Amino acid sequence: MSMGAYDEDEHERREKQASTVDTDFDDERTIYHGEVEYDSGESAEELLDQFEQIKSN
């Protein structure tokens, strides 16, 4: 048999393998408790000024 060629048994084995779905995994969702805070920080103008200052250095 040349490289890449396979017989009918191999074709059936590959087809069976490709048609099965592995459901043996943990699909429970992780639940997190806590708070999220966002710090908007500086204004857009201040951030642009800071960016320009960094770029010029």
N, C-alpha and C. Protein backbone atom coordinates (compact mmCIF):
# COMPACT_ATOMS: atom_id res chain seq x y z
N MET A 1 0.85 -1.17 0.00
CA MET A 1 0.00 0.00 0.00
C MET A 1 0.89 1.24 0.00
N SER A 2 0.62 2.15 -0.88
CA SER A 2 1.45 3.35 -0.95
C SER A 2 1.07 4.36 0.13
N MET A 3 1.92 5.31 0.33
CA MET A 3 1.69 6.34 1.35
C MET A 3 0.42 7.12 1.01
N GLY A 4 -0.47 7.27 1.97
CA GLY A 4 -1.70 8.01 1.75
C GLY A 4 -2.85 7.17 1.29
N ALA A 5 -2.58 5.94 0.82
CA ALA A 5 -3.65 5.07 0.38
C ALA A 5 -4.09 4.19 1.54
N TYR A 6 -5.38 3.88 1.60
CA TYR A 6 -5.86 2.99 2.65
C TYR A 6 -7.02 2.17 2.13
N ASP A 7 -7.25 1.05 2.79
CA ASP A 7 -8.29 0.14 2.33
C ASP A 7 -9.65 0.50 2.92
N GLU A 8 -10.65 -0.30 2.59
CA GLU A 8 -12.02 -0.03 3.03
C GLU A 8 -12.16 -0.10 4.55
N ASP A 9 -11.45 -1.03 5.20
CA ASP A 9 -11.50 -1.13 6.66
C ASP A 9 -10.99 0.16 7.31
N GLU A 10 -9.92 0.69 6.77
CA GLU A 10 -9.37 1.94 7.30
C GLU A 10 -10.36 3.08 7.07
N HIS A 11 -11.01 3.11 5.93
CA HIS A 11 -12.01 4.14 5.64
C HIS A 11 -13.16 4.07 6.65
N GLU A 12 -13.64 2.85 6.93
CA GLU A 12 -14.72 2.68 7.89
C GLU A 12 -14.28 3.08 9.29
N ARG A 13 -13.04 2.75 9.67
CA ARG A 13 -12.51 3.11 10.99
C ARG A 13 -12.46 4.62 11.13
N ARG A 14 -11.96 5.30 10.10
CA ARG A 14 -11.87 6.76 10.16
C ARG A 14 -13.25 7.42 10.18
N GLU A 15 -14.19 6.86 9.40
CA GLU A 15 -15.54 7.41 9.38
C GLU A 15 -16.21 7.25 10.73
N LYS A 16 -16.03 6.09 11.36
CA LYS A 16 -16.61 5.85 12.68
C LYS A 16 -16.00 6.81 13.70
N GLN A 17 -14.70 6.98 13.64
CA GLN A 17 -14.01 7.86 14.57
C GLN A 17 -14.48 9.31 14.38
N ALA A 18 -14.68 9.74 13.15
CA ALA A 18 -15.09 11.11 12.87
C ALA A 18 -16.55 11.35 13.24
N SER A 19 -17.36 10.31 13.30
CA SER A 19 -18.78 10.49 13.57
C SER A 19 -19.11 10.40 15.06
N THR A 20 -18.15 10.04 15.90
CA THR A 20 -18.42 9.96 17.33
C THR A 20 -18.12 11.30 17.99
N VAL A 21 -18.90 11.60 19.02
CA VAL A 21 -18.72 12.85 19.75
C VAL A 21 -18.27 12.52 21.16
N ASP A 22 -17.21 13.16 21.59
CA ASP A 22 -16.69 12.93 22.94
C ASP A 22 -17.46 13.82 23.92
N THR A 23 -18.31 13.19 24.73
CA THR A 23 -19.09 13.95 25.71
C THR A 23 -18.55 13.74 27.12
N ASP A 24 -17.37 13.20 27.23
CA ASP A 24 -16.77 12.92 28.52
C ASP A 24 -15.95 14.14 28.99
N PHE A 25 -16.66 15.20 29.32
CA PHE A 25 -15.98 16.38 29.84
C PHE A 25 -16.90 17.07 30.83
N ASP A 26 -16.34 17.90 31.66
CA ASP A 26 -17.08 18.60 32.70
C ASP A 26 -17.62 19.90 32.11
N ASP A 27 -18.94 19.98 31.98
CA ASP A 27 -19.52 21.18 31.40
C ASP A 27 -20.24 22.03 32.43
N GLU A 28 -19.88 21.86 33.70
CA GLU A 28 -20.48 22.69 34.74
C GLU A 28 -19.87 24.08 34.66
N ARG A 29 -20.73 25.07 34.83
CA ARG A 29 -20.27 26.46 34.79
C ARG A 29 -19.69 26.84 36.14
N THR A 30 -18.64 27.62 36.11
CA THR A 30 -18.04 28.13 37.34
C THR A 30 -18.80 29.39 37.73
N ILE A 31 -19.22 29.44 38.97
CA ILE A 31 -19.96 30.60 39.46
C ILE A 31 -19.01 31.43 40.32
N TYR A 32 -18.88 32.69 39.96
CA TYR A 32 -18.03 33.60 40.70
C TYR A 32 -18.88 34.55 41.52
N HIS A 33 -18.43 34.85 42.71
CA HIS A 33 -19.12 35.80 43.58
C HIS A 33 -18.18 36.96 43.85
N GLY A 34 -18.69 38.16 43.83
CA GLY A 34 -17.85 39.31 44.11
C GLY A 34 -18.37 40.54 43.40
N GLU A 35 -17.54 41.55 43.35
CA GLU A 35 -17.91 42.81 42.73
C GLU A 35 -16.88 43.21 41.69
N VAL A 36 -17.34 43.98 40.74
CA VAL A 36 -16.45 44.52 39.72
C VAL A 36 -16.59 46.03 39.75
N GLU A 37 -15.45 46.71 39.79
CA GLU A 37 -15.47 48.17 39.75
C GLU A 37 -14.65 48.64 38.58
N TYR A 38 -15.13 49.66 37.91
CA TYR A 38 -14.40 50.24 36.79
C TYR A 38 -13.96 51.64 37.18
N ASP A 39 -12.68 51.88 36.99
CA ASP A 39 -12.14 53.21 37.27
C ASP A 39 -11.94 53.90 35.94
N SER A 40 -12.82 54.84 35.67
CA SER A 40 -12.72 55.55 34.39
C SER A 40 -11.49 56.43 34.35
N GLY A 41 -10.98 56.79 35.51
CA GLY A 41 -9.72 57.52 35.57
C GLY A 41 -9.79 58.89 34.93
N GLU A 42 -8.79 59.17 34.14
CA GLU A 42 -8.65 60.49 33.56
C GLU A 42 -9.61 60.70 32.39
N SER A 43 -9.78 61.94 32.02
CA SER A 43 -10.65 62.26 30.88
C SER A 43 -9.93 61.89 29.58
N ALA A 44 -10.69 61.87 28.51
CA ALA A 44 -10.12 61.53 27.21
C ALA A 44 -9.03 62.53 26.81
N GLU A 45 -9.26 63.80 27.09
CA GLU A 45 -8.25 64.82 26.74
C GLU A 45 -6.95 64.59 27.51
N GLU A 46 -7.06 64.28 28.80
CA GLU A 46 -5.85 64.03 29.60
C GLU A 46 -5.10 62.81 29.08
N LEU A 47 -5.85 61.78 28.71
CA LEU A 47 -5.22 60.57 28.18
C LEU A 47 -4.53 60.84 26.84
N LEU A 48 -5.16 61.65 25.96
CA LEU A 48 -4.54 62.00 24.69
C LEU A 48 -3.27 62.82 24.91
N ASP A 49 -3.31 63.75 25.86
CA ASP A 49 -2.12 64.54 26.18
C ASP A 49 -1.00 63.64 26.68
N GLN A 50 -1.35 62.68 27.55
CA GLN A 50 -0.36 61.75 28.07
C GLN A 50 0.22 60.89 26.94
N PHE A 51 -0.63 60.46 26.02
CA PHE A 51 -0.19 59.66 24.88
C PHE A 51 0.79 60.46 24.00
N GLU A 52 0.45 61.69 23.71
CA GLU A 52 1.32 62.55 22.90
C GLU A 52 2.66 62.75 23.60
N GLN A 53 2.63 62.92 24.91
CA GLN A 53 3.87 63.10 25.67
C GLN A 53 4.73 61.84 25.62
N ILE A 54 4.12 60.69 25.71
CA ILE A 54 4.87 59.42 25.64
C ILE A 54 5.44 59.25 24.24
N LYS A 55 4.65 59.57 23.22
CA LYS A 55 5.09 59.42 21.84
C LYS A 55 6.28 60.32 21.53
N SER A 56 6.30 61.51 22.12
CA SER A 56 7.37 62.45 21.79
C SER A 56 8.69 62.10 22.48
N ASN A 57 8.66 61.26 23.50
CA ASN A 57 9.91 60.87 24.19
C ASN A 57 10.63 59.80 23.51
